């Protein structure tokens, strides 16, 4: 793979740069309840040296009734400063699943105008499989000034997505599993309707990954997107269950050279909740 400190870097790249003074590593592990895993406990038991733990549930807009919505800029700044992450840092984000929740935190940094941010390809499973160093010590954190400039174009709300669906102005890519997308399977969150946003196309996030949890090559990704009618000029909205795996598609679009994409932060947790929003089933 080609290492790109703005999208995706290999385990070899991270290992080679681990002692760089301006590198900051983040463990962004987050799991669905059904996975039965405790992200914080796993981090404390062993993480990539120097990694800080990013709590997706806590570093969010906790005023919202929806799960882990993007945090307000001032909250993001205060949490990052407390973690010793600020201006001038190269950030690398990984998770314990491979490539699952790390992309969500990559997108959050991008939303805040930070571009020197990459996801670790293959994540902690690949790092461990290669026998690379782990530690269980908390990192030494020194406050670092951070400025952010929120990029409003990278996120969509329910009104914007409803308009995009009605006018067919964007391709809406849904990262959920086919059964949930088609409406054949019930949603894991209680009280949500089944189905998908009218006109959306299904691209389960696992389809942009190799069997070992790394991301497919930019060439292979371009083929996948072209097969769904996504051209580099075509504006895209990514969606999923609650805005986490949608970011895997956002990262894949970026790797494929597509720049015109935004993430529907409320995703199906929001759309599936409102009876006045139209739903399609296959």
C-alpha atoms as a PDB file:
ATOM      1  CA  UNK A   1       0.000   0.000   0.000  1.00  0.00           C
ATOM      2  CA  UNK A   2       0.990   3.652  -0.398  1.00  0.00           C
ATOM      3  CA  UNK A   3       1.329   5.377   2.958  1.00  0.00           C
ATOM      4  CA  UNK A   4      -0.531   8.673   3.154  1.00  0.00           C
ATOM      5  CA  UNK A   5      -0.355  10.547   6.492  1.00  0.00           C
ATOM      6  CA  UNK A   6      -3.687  12.212   5.608  1.00  0.00           C
ATOM      7  CA  UNK A   7      -5.679   9.018   5.070  1.00  0.00           C
ATOM      8  CA  UNK A   8      -4.071   5.648   5.768  1.00  0.00           C
ATOM      9  CA  UNK A   9      -0.659   4.425   6.963  1.00  0.00           C
ATOM     10  CA  UNK A  10       0.775   0.932   7.339  1.00  0.00           C
ATOM     11  CA  UNK A  11       1.944  -0.712  10.543  1.00  0.00           C
ATOM     12  CA  UNK A  12       5.524  -0.494   9.177  1.00  0.00           C
ATOM     13  CA  UNK A  13       5.141   3.283   8.683  1.00  0.00           C
ATOM     14  CA  UNK A  14       3.833   3.777  12.228  1.00  0.00           C
ATOM     15  CA  UNK A  15       6.565   1.611  13.731  1.00  0.00           C
ATOM     16  CA  UNK A  16       9.209   3.659  11.907  1.00  0.00           C
ATOM     17  CA  UNK A  17       7.708   6.970  13.121  1.00  0.00           C
ATOM     18  CA  UNK A  18       6.653   5.914  16.640  1.00  0.00           C
ATOM     19  CA  UNK A  19       9.362   7.994  18.332  1.00  0.00           C
ATOM     20  CA  UNK A  20       8.782  11.152  16.250  1.00  0.00           C
ATOM     21  CA  UNK A  21       8.258  14.010  18.758  1.00  0.00           C
ATOM     22  CA  UNK A  22       5.219  15.359  16.909  1.00  0.00           C
ATOM     23  CA  UNK A  23       3.459  12.028  16.396  1.00  0.00           C
ATOM     24  CA  UNK A  24       0.368  11.278  18.464  1.00  0.00           C
ATOM     25  CA  UNK A  25      -1.298   7.853  18.428  1.00  0.00           C
ATOM     26  CA  UNK A  26      -4.972   7.378  19.350  1.00  0.00           C
ATOM     27  CA  UNK A  27      -6.788   4.181  20.303  1.00  0.00           C
ATOM     28  CA  UNK A  28     -10.327   4.812  19.027  1.00  0.00           C
ATOM     29  CA  UNK A  29     -11.716   1.355  19.761  1.00  0.00           C
ATOM     30  CA  UNK A  30     -15.492   1.202  20.097  1.00  0.00           C
ATOM     31  CA  UNK A  31     -17.738  -1.850  19.935  1.00  0.00           C
ATOM     32  CA  UNK A  32     -21.393  -2.632  19.425  1.00  0.00           C
ATOM     33  CA  UNK A  33     -23.031  -4.152  22.533  1.00  0.00           C
ATOM     34  CA  UNK A  34     -23.432  -7.479  20.695  1.00  0.00           C
ATOM     35  CA  UNK A  35     -19.639  -7.714  20.328  1.00  0.00           C
ATOM     36  CA  UNK A  36     -19.291  -8.099  24.099  1.00  0.00           C
ATOM     37  CA  UNK A  37     -16.007  -6.202  24.315  1.00  0.00           C
ATOM     38  CA  UNK A  38     -14.834  -3.438  26.668  1.00  0.00           C
ATOM     39  CA  UNK A  39     -12.752  -0.957  24.661  1.00  0.00           C
ATOM     40  CA  UNK A  40     -11.311   0.941  27.653  1.00  0.00           C
ATOM     41  CA  UNK A  41     -10.360  -2.235  29.556  1.00  0.00           C
ATOM     42  CA  UNK A  42      -8.650  -3.643  26.463  1.00  0.00           C
ATOM     43  CA  UNK A  43      -6.754  -0.359  25.999  1.00  0.00           C
ATOM     44  CA  UNK A  44      -5.563  -0.424  29.615  1.00  0.00           C
ATOM     45  CA  UNK A  45      -4.429  -4.050  29.258  1.00  0.00           C
ATOM     46  CA  UNK A  46      -2.255  -3.252  26.234  1.00  0.00           C
ATOM     47  CA  UNK A  47      -1.969  -0.568  23.555  1.00  0.00           C
ATOM     48  CA  UNK A  48       0.474   0.768  20.985  1.00  0.00           C
ATOM     49  CA  UNK A  49       3.207   2.680  22.878  1.00  0.00           C
ATOM     50  CA  UNK A  50       2.170   6.259  23.665  1.00  0.00           C
ATOM     51  CA  UNK A  51      -1.421   5.787  22.485  1.00  0.00           C
ATOM     52  CA  UNK A  52      -4.174   7.860  24.092  1.00  0.00           C
ATOM     53  CA  UNK A  53      -7.707   6.474  24.447  1.00  0.00           C
ATOM     54  CA  UNK A  54     -10.423   8.381  22.562  1.00  0.00           C
ATOM     55  CA  UNK A  55     -13.849   7.685  24.089  1.00  0.00           C
ATOM     56  CA  UNK A  56     -16.289   7.971  21.157  1.00  0.00           C
ATOM     57  CA  UNK A  57     -19.314   8.053  23.471  1.00  0.00           C
ATOM     58  CA  UNK A  58     -17.932  10.750  25.778  1.00  0.00           C
ATOM     59  CA  UNK A  59     -16.220  12.958  23.167  1.00  0.00           C
ATOM     60  CA  UNK A  60     -19.536  13.596  21.447  1.00  0.00           C
ATOM     61  CA  UNK A  61     -22.516  15.940  21.585  1.00  0.00           C
ATOM     62  CA  UNK A  62     -24.002  14.515  24.778  1.00  0.00           C
ATOM     63  CA  UNK A  63     -26.867  17.050  24.557  1.00  0.00           C
ATOM     64  CA  UNK A  64     -28.255  15.038  21.643  1.00  0.00           C
ATOM     65  CA  UNK A  65     -30.580  12.076  22.201  1.00  0.00           C
ATOM     66  CA  UNK A  66     -28.850  10.361  19.263  1.00  0.00           C
ATOM     67  CA  UNK A  67     -25.790   8.163  19.861  1.00  0.00           C
ATOM     68  CA  UNK A  68     -22.248   9.649  19.659  1.00  0.00           C
ATOM     69  CA  UNK A  69     -23.051  12.650  17.468  1.00  0.00           C
ATOM     70  CA  UNK A  70     -20.064  14.826  16.497  1.00  0.00           C
ATOM     71  CA  UNK A  71     -18.859  16.939  19.444  1.00  0.00           C
ATOM     72  CA  UNK A  72     -19.128  20.733  19.458  1.00  0.00           C
ATOM     73  CA  UNK A  73     -15.738  22.281  18.469  1.00  0.00           C
ATOM     74  CA  UNK A  74     -15.079  23.674  21.955  1.00  0.00           C
ATOM     75  CA  UNK A  75     -15.570  20.249  23.557  1.00  0.00           C
ATOM     76  CA  UNK A  76     -13.316  18.627  20.964  1.00  0.00           C
ATOM     77  CA  UNK A  77     -10.607  21.220  21.644  1.00  0.00           C
ATOM     78  CA  UNK A  78     -10.751  20.778  25.418  1.00  0.00           C
ATOM     79  CA  UNK A  79     -10.615  16.970  25.220  1.00  0.00           C
ATOM     80  CA  UNK A  80      -7.752  16.962  22.718  1.00  0.00           C
ATOM     81  CA  UNK A  81      -5.735  19.484  24.735  1.00  0.00           C
ATOM     82  CA  UNK A  82      -6.187  17.339  27.837  1.00  0.00           C
ATOM     83  CA  UNK A  83      -4.899  14.376  25.795  1.00  0.00           C
ATOM     84  CA  UNK A  84      -1.840  16.376  24.730  1.00  0.00           C
ATOM     85  CA  UNK A  85      -2.950  16.597  21.105  1.00  0.00           C
ATOM     86  CA  UNK A  86      -2.806  19.923  19.312  1.00  0.00           C
ATOM     87  CA  UNK A  87      -1.613  22.003  16.391  1.00  0.00           C
ATOM     88  CA  UNK A  88       1.382  20.656  14.499  1.00  0.00           C
ATOM     89  CA  UNK A  89       0.830  17.033  15.465  1.00  0.00           C
ATOM     90  CA  UNK A  90       0.620  14.133  13.049  1.00  0.00           C
ATOM     91  CA  UNK A  91      -2.146  11.895  14.393  1.00  0.00           C
ATOM     92  CA  UNK A  92      -2.509   8.158  13.697  1.00  0.00           C
ATOM     93  CA  UNK A  93      -5.716   6.439  14.816  1.00  0.00           C
ATOM     94  CA  UNK A  94      -6.320   2.721  15.252  1.00  0.00           C
ATOM     95  CA  UNK A  95      -8.931   0.408  16.730  1.00  0.00           C
ATOM     96  CA  UNK A  96      -9.016  -3.095  18.165  1.00  0.00           C
ATOM     97  CA  UNK A  97     -11.270  -4.512  15.452  1.00  0.00           C
ATOM     98  CA  UNK A  98      -8.998  -3.808  12.472  1.00  0.00           C
ATOM     99  CA  UNK A  99     -10.638  -0.973  10.584  1.00  0.00           C
ATOM    100  CA  UNK A 100     -13.973  -0.203  12.171  1.00  0.00           C
ATOM    101  CA  UNK A 101     -14.329   2.759  14.544  1.00  0.00           C
ATOM    102  CA  UNK A 102     -10.956   4.442  13.861  1.00  0.00           C
ATOM    103  CA  UNK A 103     -12.345   5.957  10.644  1.00  0.00           C
ATOM    104  CA  UNK A 104     -15.069   7.708  12.653  1.00  0.00           C
ATOM    105  CA  UNK A 105     -12.449   9.547  14.720  1.00  0.00           C
ATOM    106  CA  UNK A 106     -10.443  10.305  11.543  1.00  0.00           C
ATOM    107  CA  UNK A 107     -13.621  11.891  10.114  1.00  0.00           C
ATOM    108  CA  UNK A 108     -14.176  13.845  13.359  1.00  0.00           C
ATOM    109  CA  UNK A 109     -10.683  15.356  13.078  1.00  0.00           C
ATOM    110  CA  UNK A 110     -11.388  16.218   9.420  1.00  0.00           C
ATOM    111  CA  UNK A 111     -14.678  17.817  10.454  1.00  0.00           C
ATOM    112  CA  UNK A 112     -12.652  20.032  12.806  1.00  0.00           C
ATOM    113  CA  UNK A 113     -10.349  21.069   9.964  1.00  0.00           C
ATOM    114  CA  UNK A 114      -7.413  18.851  10.966  1.00  0.00           C
ATOM    115  CA  UNK A 115      -5.878  17.080   7.970  1.00  0.00           C
ATOM    116  CA  UNK A 116      -2.607  15.593   9.302  1.00  0.00           C
ATOM    117  CA  UNK A 117      -4.573  12.563  10.466  1.00  0.00           C
ATOM    118  CA  UNK A 118      -4.406   8.956   9.274  1.00  0.00           C
ATOM    119  CA  UNK A 119      -5.954   5.615  10.164  1.00  0.00           C
ATOM    120  CA  UNK A 120      -3.680   2.644  10.872  1.00  0.00           C
ATOM    121  CA  UNK A 121      -4.368   0.095   8.135  1.00  0.00           C
ATOM    122  CA  UNK A 122      -5.391  -3.201   9.719  1.00  0.00           C
ATOM    123  CA  UNK A 123      -5.384  -1.631  13.183  1.00  0.00           C
ATOM    124  CA  UNK A 124      -4.339  -3.354  16.383  1.00  0.00           C
ATOM    125  CA  UNK A 125      -4.980  -6.922  15.103  1.00  0.00           C
ATOM    126  CA  UNK A 126      -2.383  -6.466  12.339  1.00  0.00           C
ATOM    127  CA  UNK A 127       0.042  -4.693  14.708  1.00  0.00           C
ATOM    128  CA  UNK A 128      -0.215  -7.592  17.189  1.00  0.00           C
ATOM    129  CA  UNK A 129      -0.004 -10.272  14.489  1.00  0.00           C
ATOM    130  CA  UNK A 130       3.328  -8.787  13.393  1.00  0.00           C
ATOM    131  CA  UNK A 131       4.666  -8.968  16.967  1.00  0.00           C
ATOM    132  CA  UNK A 132       5.115  -5.219  17.333  1.00  0.00           C
ATOM    133  CA  UNK A 133       5.516  -3.467  20.696  1.00  0.00           C
ATOM    134  CA  UNK A 134       2.663  -2.948  23.171  1.00  0.00           C
ATOM    135  CA  UNK A 135       2.579  -1.293  26.575  1.00  0.00           C
ATOM    136  CA  UNK A 136       0.099  -0.984  29.441  1.00  0.00           C
ATOM    137  CA  UNK A 137       1.397   2.333  30.820  1.00  0.00           C
ATOM    138  CA  UNK A 138      -0.653   5.530  30.597  1.00  0.00           C
ATOM    139  CA  UNK A 139       1.025   8.055  28.272  1.00  0.00           C
ATOM    140  CA  UNK A 140       2.629  11.244  29.581  1.00  0.00           C
ATOM    141  CA  UNK A 141       0.321  14.035  28.389  1.00  0.00           C
ATOM    142  CA  UNK A 142       1.271  17.692  28.145  1.00  0.00           C
ATOM    143  CA  UNK A 143      -1.308  20.302  27.211  1.00  0.00           C
ATOM    144  CA  UNK A 144      -0.904  21.512  23.625  1.00  0.00           C
ATOM    145  CA  UNK A 145      -2.725  24.442  22.030  1.00  0.00           C
ATOM    146  CA  UNK A 146      -5.273  23.467  19.395  1.00  0.00           C
ATOM    147  CA  UNK A 147      -7.217  25.541  16.892  1.00  0.00           C
ATOM    148  CA  UNK A 148     -10.084  24.124  14.852  1.00  0.00           C
ATOM    149  CA  UNK A 149     -12.053  25.296  11.853  1.00  0.00           C
ATOM    150  CA  UNK A 150     -15.230  23.250  11.477  1.00  0.00           C
ATOM    151  CA  UNK A 151     -15.795  22.040   7.924  1.00  0.00           C
ATOM    152  CA  UNK A 152     -19.595  22.178   7.695  1.00  0.00           C
ATOM    153  CA  UNK A 153     -19.558  20.582   4.236  1.00  0.00           C
ATOM    154  CA  UNK A 154     -18.363  17.255   5.648  1.00  0.00           C
ATOM    155  CA  UNK A 155     -21.517  16.571   7.666  1.00  0.00           C
ATOM    156  CA  UNK A 156     -25.220  16.394   6.760  1.00  0.00           C
ATOM    157  CA  UNK A 157     -28.291  16.640   8.979  1.00  0.00           C
ATOM    158  CA  UNK A 158     -31.636  14.935   8.469  1.00  0.00           C
ATOM    159  CA  UNK A 159     -33.161  17.868   6.539  1.00  0.00           C
ATOM    160  CA  UNK A 160     -30.258  17.967   4.086  1.00  0.00           C
ATOM    161  CA  UNK A 161     -30.361  14.188   3.595  1.00  0.00           C
ATOM    162  CA  UNK A 162     -34.146  14.227   3.044  1.00  0.00           C
ATOM    163  CA  UNK A 163     -33.685  16.907   0.385  1.00  0.00           C
ATOM    164  CA  UNK A 164     -30.798  15.019  -1.260  1.00  0.00           C
ATOM    165  CA  UNK A 165     -32.929  11.858  -1.349  1.00  0.00           C
ATOM    166  CA  UNK A 166     -35.953  13.655  -2.812  1.00  0.00           C
ATOM    167  CA  UNK A 167     -34.012  15.626  -5.433  1.00  0.00           C
ATOM    168  CA  UNK A 168     -31.588  12.762  -6.193  1.00  0.00           C
ATOM    169  CA  UNK A 169     -28.796  15.355  -5.964  1.00  0.00           C
ATOM    170  CA  UNK A 170     -26.392  13.012  -4.133  1.00  0.00           C
ATOM    171  CA  UNK A 171     -25.609   9.315  -4.142  1.00  0.00           C
ATOM    172  CA  UNK A 172     -26.408   8.017  -0.650  1.00  0.00           C
ATOM    173  CA  UNK A 173     -24.235   5.056   0.316  1.00  0.00           C
ATOM    174  CA  UNK A 174     -25.452   2.944   3.243  1.00  0.00           C
ATOM    175  CA  UNK A 175     -22.720   0.908   5.003  1.00  0.00           C
ATOM    176  CA  UNK A 176     -25.093  -1.429   6.888  1.00  0.00           C
ATOM    177  CA  UNK A 177     -25.377  -5.160   6.246  1.00  0.00           C
ATOM    178  CA  UNK A 178     -27.655  -6.159   3.322  1.00  0.00           C
ATOM    179  CA  UNK A 179     -30.397  -7.609   5.566  1.00  0.00           C
ATOM    180  CA  UNK A 180     -30.744  -4.372   7.512  1.00  0.00           C
ATOM    181  CA  UNK A 181     -30.595  -2.274   4.346  1.00  0.00           C
ATOM    182  CA  UNK A 182     -33.312  -4.308   2.602  1.00  0.00           C
ATOM    183  CA  UNK A 183     -35.515  -4.319   5.700  1.00  0.00           C
ATOM    184  CA  UNK A 184     -35.461  -8.120   5.943  1.00  0.00           C
ATOM    185  CA  UNK A 185     -33.709  -7.947   9.334  1.00  0.00           C
ATOM    186  CA  UNK A 186     -34.845  -5.972  12.369  1.00  0.00           C
ATOM    187  CA  UNK A 187     -32.667  -3.114  13.570  1.00  0.00           C
ATOM    188  CA  UNK A 188     -30.534  -3.814  16.660  1.00  0.00           C
ATOM    189  CA  UNK A 189     -31.706  -0.551  18.242  1.00  0.00           C
ATOM    190  CA  UNK A 190     -35.239  -0.906  19.638  1.00  0.00           C
ATOM    191  CA  UNK A 191     -38.010   1.244  18.189  1.00  0.00           C
ATOM    192  CA  UNK A 192     -36.426   1.794  14.765  1.00  0.00           C
ATOM    193  CA  UNK A 193     -38.193   0.979  11.526  1.00  0.00           C
ATOM    194  CA  UNK A 194     -36.512  -1.347   9.012  1.00  0.00           C
ATOM    195  CA  UNK A 195     -35.374  -0.432   5.514  1.00  0.00           C
ATOM    196  CA  UNK A 196     -33.344   2.375   3.997  1.00  0.00           C
ATOM    197  CA  UNK A 197     -33.438   5.993   2.830  1.00  0.00           C
ATOM    198  CA  UNK A 198     -35.246   6.166  -0.546  1.00  0.00           C
ATOM    199  CA  UNK A 199     -32.778   5.987  -3.429  1.00  0.00           C
ATOM    200  CA  UNK A 200     -29.843   4.904  -1.233  1.00  0.00           C
ATOM    201  CA  UNK A 201     -27.391   2.262  -2.452  1.00  0.00           C
ATOM    202  CA  UNK A 202     -26.021  -0.476  -0.228  1.00  0.00           C
ATOM    203  CA  UNK A 203     -22.264  -0.786   0.227  1.00  0.00           C
ATOM    204  CA  UNK A 204     -21.608  -2.830   3.389  1.00  0.00           C
ATOM    205  CA  UNK A 205     -18.408  -1.397   4.864  1.00  0.00           C
ATOM    206  CA  UNK A 206     -16.688  -4.810   4.839  1.00  0.00           C
ATOM    207  CA  UNK A 207     -16.728  -4.727   1.029  1.00  0.00           C
ATOM    208  CA  UNK A 208     -14.063  -1.985   0.954  1.00  0.00           C
ATOM    209  CA  UNK A 209     -11.780  -4.117   3.155  1.00  0.00           C
ATOM    210  CA  UNK A 210      -9.575  -7.120   2.450  1.00  0.00           C
ATOM    211  CA  UNK A 211     -10.079 -10.365   4.382  1.00  0.00           C
ATOM    212  CA  UNK A 212      -7.277  -9.347   6.790  1.00  0.00           C
ATOM    213  CA  UNK A 213      -9.028  -6.092   7.762  1.00  0.00           C
ATOM    214  CA  UNK A 214      -6.849  -3.760   5.690  1.00  0.00           C
ATOM    215  CA  UNK A 215      -8.383  -1.402   3.144  1.00  0.00           C
ATOM    216  CA  UNK A 216      -8.511  -2.395  -0.507  1.00  0.00           C
ATOM    217  CA  UNK A 217      -6.221  -0.584  -2.953  1.00  0.00           C
ATOM    218  CA  UNK A 218      -7.316   2.783  -4.390  1.00  0.00           C
ATOM    219  CA  UNK A 219      -7.731   1.079  -7.795  1.00  0.00           C
ATOM    220  CA  UNK A 220     -10.014  -1.616  -6.352  1.00  0.00           C
ATOM    221  CA  UNK A 221     -11.997   1.032  -4.444  1.00  0.00           C
ATOM    222  CA  UNK A 222     -12.485   3.100  -7.604  1.00  0.00           C
ATOM    223  CA  UNK A 223     -13.904   0.005  -9.309  1.00  0.00           C
ATOM    224  CA  UNK A 224     -16.326  -0.623  -6.432  1.00  0.00           C
ATOM    225  CA  UNK A 225     -17.549   2.982  -6.455  1.00  0.00           C
ATOM    226  CA  UNK A 226     -17.815   3.088 -10.255  1.00  0.00           C
ATOM    227  CA  UNK A 227     -19.994  -0.037 -10.070  1.00  0.00           C
ATOM    228  CA  UNK A 228     -22.426   1.948  -7.903  1.00  0.00           C
ATOM    229  CA  UNK A 229     -22.447   4.880 -10.304  1.00  0.00           C
ATOM    230  CA  UNK A 230     -20.151   7.026  -8.164  1.00  0.00           C
ATOM    231  CA  UNK A 231     -17.934   9.255 -10.289  1.00  0.00           C
ATOM    232  CA  UNK A 232     -15.284  11.598  -8.805  1.00  0.00           C
ATOM    233  CA  UNK A 233     -17.545  14.619  -9.477  1.00  0.00           C
ATOM    234  CA  UNK A 234     -20.662  13.014  -7.991  1.00  0.00           C
ATOM    235  CA  UNK A 235     -21.504  14.269  -4.463  1.00  0.00           C
ATOM    236  CA  UNK A 236     -21.883  11.393  -2.007  1.00  0.00           C
ATOM    237  CA  UNK A 237     -23.472  11.091   1.435  1.00  0.00           C
ATOM    238  CA  UNK A 238     -22.350   8.152   3.581  1.00  0.00           C
ATOM    239  CA  UNK A 239     -24.703   6.638   6.151  1.00  0.00           C
ATOM    240  CA  UNK A 240     -24.956   3.545   8.393  1.00  0.00           C
ATOM    241  CA  UNK A 241     -26.569   2.625  11.713  1.00  0.00           C
ATOM    242  CA  UNK A 242     -25.202   5.439  13.870  1.00  0.00           C
ATOM    243  CA  UNK A 243     -22.480   7.214  11.894  1.00  0.00           C
ATOM    244  CA  UNK A 244     -19.520   4.950  12.736  1.00  0.00           C
ATOM    245  CA  UNK A 245     -19.046   2.575   9.786  1.00  0.00           C
ATOM    246  CA  UNK A 246     -20.268   5.293   7.380  1.00  0.00           C
ATOM    247  CA  UNK A 247     -16.859   6.865   8.075  1.00  0.00           C
ATOM    248  CA  UNK A 248     -15.137   3.717   6.722  1.00  0.00           C
ATOM    249  CA  UNK A 249     -16.840   4.508   3.393  1.00  0.00           C
ATOM    250  CA  UNK A 250     -15.804   8.172   3.741  1.00  0.00           C
ATOM    251  CA  UNK A 251     -12.186   7.084   4.205  1.00  0.00           C
ATOM    252  CA  UNK A 252     -12.459   4.710   1.236  1.00  0.00           C
ATOM    253  CA  UNK A 253     -13.866   7.529  -0.937  1.00  0.00           C
ATOM    254  CA  UNK A 254     -10.956   9.752   0.071  1.00  0.00           C
ATOM    255  CA  UNK A 255      -8.458   6.963  -0.739  1.00  0.00           C
ATOM    256  CA  UNK A 256     -10.113   6.495  -4.138  1.00  0.00           C
ATOM    257  CA  UNK A 257      -9.676  10.184  -4.960  1.00  0.00           C
ATOM    258  CA  UNK A 258     -13.292  11.243  -4.356  1.00  0.00           C
ATOM    259  CA  UNK A 259     -13.312  14.566  -2.511  1.00  0.00           C
ATOM    260  CA  UNK A 260     -17.003  15.499  -2.645  1.00  0.00           C
ATOM    261  CA  UNK A 261     -18.448  13.480   0.232  1.00  0.00           C
ATOM    262  CA  UNK A 262     -20.209  14.127   3.537  1.00  0.00           C
ATOM    263  CA  UNK A 263     -21.387  11.900   6.382  1.00  0.00           C
ATOM    264  CA  UNK A 264     -24.962  11.724   7.666  1.00  0.00           C
ATOM    265  CA  UNK A 265     -24.235  11.971  11.374  1.00  0.00           C
ATOM    266  CA  UNK A 266     -27.660  10.848  12.621  1.00  0.00           C
ATOM    267  CA  UNK A 267     -27.733   7.939  10.140  1.00  0.00           C
ATOM    268  CA  UNK A 268     -30.397   5.238  10.603  1.00  0.00           C
ATOM    269  CA  UNK A 269     -30.584   5.846  14.380  1.00  0.00           C
ATOM    270  CA  UNK A 270     -32.269   9.116  13.419  1.00  0.00           C
ATOM    271  CA  UNK A 271     -33.974   8.351  10.092  1.00  0.00           C
ATOM    272  CA  UNK A 272     -35.494   5.085  11.340  1.00  0.00           C
ATOM    273  CA  UNK A 273     -36.986   6.844  14.348  1.00  0.00           C
ATOM    274  CA  UNK A 274     -39.272   9.330  12.554  1.00  0.00           C
ATOM    275  CA  UNK A 275     -42.503   7.980  11.075  1.00  0.00           C
ATOM    276  CA  UNK A 276     -42.899  11.013   8.800  1.00  0.00           C
ATOM    277  CA  UNK A 277     -39.681  10.182   6.885  1.00  0.00           C
ATOM    278  CA  UNK A 278     -40.110   7.829   3.912  1.00  0.00           C
ATOM    279  CA  UNK A 279     -38.550   4.355   4.028  1.00  0.00           C
ATOM    280  CA  UNK A 280     -37.823   1.977   1.161  1.00  0.00           C
ATOM    281  CA  UNK A 281     -37.638  -1.804   1.483  1.00  0.00           C
ATOM    282  CA  UNK A 282     -36.362  -4.307  -1.063  1.00  0.00           C
END
